[in-house]
Amino acid sequence: MEIRIGIQHSPREIVIESAEKTDELLERLSTAIADGSPVTLVDEKGRTVLVPGAKVAFAELSTEEPRRVGFLG
């Protein structure tokens, strides 16, 4: 799953590929944003990112779908 997080007052987004379950991650992010507490995310390569919940502008979670090749017609 791809996680895209916008941080307030920052022109760049944080983009992470993660194998975490969507429901669990959404619950953790919601709690962190509500409390203003940090949330820890781990990507598929094992890297850890600490995101301040109080500074999250938006979070987008998307499942990967295979790209279609060819033409419709």
C-alpha atoms as a PDB file:
ATOM      1  CA  MET A   1       0.000   0.000   0.000  1.00  0.00           C
ATOM      2  CA  GLU A   2       1.159   3.516  -0.726  1.00  0.00           C
ATOM      3  CA  ILE A   3       0.880   6.073   2.063  1.00  0.00           C
ATOM      4  CA  ARG A   4       1.101   9.757   1.149  1.00  0.00           C
ATOM      5  CA  ILE A   5       1.186  12.256   4.029  1.00  0.00           C
ATOM      6  CA  GLY A   6       1.209  16.028   3.730  1.00  0.00           C
ATOM      7  CA  ILE A   7       2.822  18.016   6.522  1.00  0.00           C
ATOM      8  CA  GLN A   8       1.678  21.552   7.362  1.00  0.00           C
ATOM      9  CA  HIS A   9       4.023  24.324   6.169  1.00  0.00           C
ATOM     10  CA  SER A  10       6.075  21.850   4.115  1.00  0.00           C
ATOM     11  CA  PRO A  11       6.057  21.810   0.306  1.00  0.00           C
ATOM     12  CA  ARG A  12       6.956  18.110   0.122  1.00  0.00           C
ATOM     13  CA  GLU A  13       4.895  15.062   0.966  1.00  0.00           C
ATOM     14  CA  ILE A  14       6.056  11.923   2.746  1.00  0.00           C
ATOM     15  CA  VAL A  15       5.510   8.877   0.521  1.00  0.00           C
ATOM     16  CA  ILE A  16       5.938   5.398   1.995  1.00  0.00           C
ATOM     17  CA  GLU A  17       5.303   1.921   0.604  1.00  0.00           C
ATOM     18  CA  SER A  18       4.085  -0.250   3.462  1.00  0.00           C
ATOM     19  CA  ALA A  19       2.771  -3.773   3.962  1.00  0.00           C
ATOM     20  CA  GLU A  20       0.682  -2.775   7.015  1.00  0.00           C
ATOM     21  CA  LYS A  21      -3.044  -3.436   7.035  1.00  0.00           C
ATOM     22  CA  THR A  22      -5.149  -0.441   5.985  1.00  0.00           C
ATOM     23  CA  ASP A  23      -7.559  -0.581   8.938  1.00  0.00           C
ATOM     24  CA  GLU A  24      -4.801  -0.694  11.564  1.00  0.00           C
ATOM     25  CA  LEU A  25      -2.835   2.096   9.925  1.00  0.00           C
ATOM     26  CA  LEU A  26      -5.896   4.295   9.520  1.00  0.00           C
ATOM     27  CA  GLU A  27      -6.752   3.856  13.199  1.00  0.00           C
ATOM     28  CA  ARG A  28      -3.195   4.739  14.293  1.00  0.00           C
ATOM     29  CA  LEU A  29      -3.118   7.825  12.055  1.00  0.00           C
ATOM     30  CA  SER A  30      -6.550   8.990  13.242  1.00  0.00           C
ATOM     31  CA  THR A  31      -5.522   8.651  16.888  1.00  0.00           C
ATOM     32  CA  ALA A  32      -2.243  10.503  16.304  1.00  0.00           C
ATOM     33  CA  ILE A  33      -3.989  13.371  14.513  1.00  0.00           C
ATOM     34  CA  ALA A  34      -6.679  13.646  17.219  1.00  0.00           C
ATOM     35  CA  ASP A  35      -4.176  13.536  20.100  1.00  0.00           C
ATOM     36  CA  GLY A  36      -1.383  15.452  18.385  1.00  0.00           C
ATOM     37  CA  SER A  37       0.948  12.569  19.213  1.00  0.00           C
ATOM     38  CA  PRO A  38       3.576  11.202  16.803  1.00  0.00           C
ATOM     39  CA  VAL A  39       2.925   8.090  14.739  1.00  0.00           C
ATOM     40  CA  THR A  40       5.636   5.663  13.650  1.00  0.00           C
ATOM     41  CA  LEU A  41       5.484   4.160  10.162  1.00  0.00           C
ATOM     42  CA  VAL A  42       7.692   1.392   8.794  1.00  0.00           C
ATOM     43  CA  ASP A  43       8.160   0.947   5.061  1.00  0.00           C
ATOM     44  CA  GLU A  44       8.723  -2.281   3.116  1.00  0.00           C
ATOM     45  CA  LYS A  45      12.520  -1.900   3.353  1.00  0.00           C
ATOM     46  CA  GLY A  46      12.430  -1.635   7.148  1.00  0.00           C
ATOM     47  CA  ARG A  47      13.021   2.114   7.375  1.00  0.00           C
ATOM     48  CA  THR A  48      11.186   3.903  10.189  1.00  0.00           C
ATOM     49  CA  VAL A  49       9.562   7.328   9.826  1.00  0.00           C
ATOM     50  CA  LEU A  50       8.226   9.315  12.780  1.00  0.00           C
ATOM     51  CA  VAL A  51       5.429  11.708  11.764  1.00  0.00           C
ATOM     52  CA  PRO A  52       4.155  14.410  14.152  1.00  0.00           C
ATOM     53  CA  GLY A  53       0.391  13.905  14.356  1.00  0.00           C
ATOM     54  CA  ALA A  54      -0.218  17.570  15.199  1.00  0.00           C
ATOM     55  CA  LYS A  55       1.364  18.669  11.886  1.00  0.00           C
ATOM     56  CA  VAL A  56      -0.400  16.256   9.494  1.00  0.00           C
ATOM     57  CA  ALA A  57      -2.283  18.208   6.810  1.00  0.00           C
ATOM     58  CA  PHE A  58      -3.647  15.128   5.033  1.00  0.00           C
ATOM     59  CA  ALA A  59      -3.078  11.396   4.699  1.00  0.00           C
ATOM     60  CA  GLU A  60      -3.873   9.354   1.611  1.00  0.00           C
ATOM     61  CA  LEU A  61      -3.852   5.561   1.689  1.00  0.00           C
ATOM     62  CA  SER A  62      -4.115   3.700  -1.590  1.00  0.00           C
ATOM     63  CA  THR A  63      -3.868   0.073  -2.474  1.00  0.00           C
ATOM     64  CA  GLU A  64      -1.781  -0.781  -5.440  1.00  0.00           C
ATOM     65  CA  GLU A  65      -3.642  -1.916  -8.504  1.00  0.00           C
ATOM     66  CA  PRO A  66      -1.878  -3.474 -11.448  1.00  0.00           C
ATOM     67  CA  ARG A  67      -1.515  -0.995 -14.265  1.00  0.00           C
ATOM     68  CA  ARG A  68      -3.480  -1.835 -17.331  1.00  0.00           C
ATOM     69  CA  VAL A  69      -1.575  -2.214 -20.557  1.00  0.00           C
ATOM     70  CA  GLY A  70      -3.183  -1.930 -23.934  1.00  0.00           C
ATOM     71  CA  PHE A  71      -5.972  -0.002 -25.528  1.00  0.00           C
ATOM     72  CA  LEU A  72      -9.670   0.042 -24.887  1.00  0.00           C
ATOM     73  CA  GLY A  73     -11.693  -0.178 -27.987  1.00  0.00           C
END
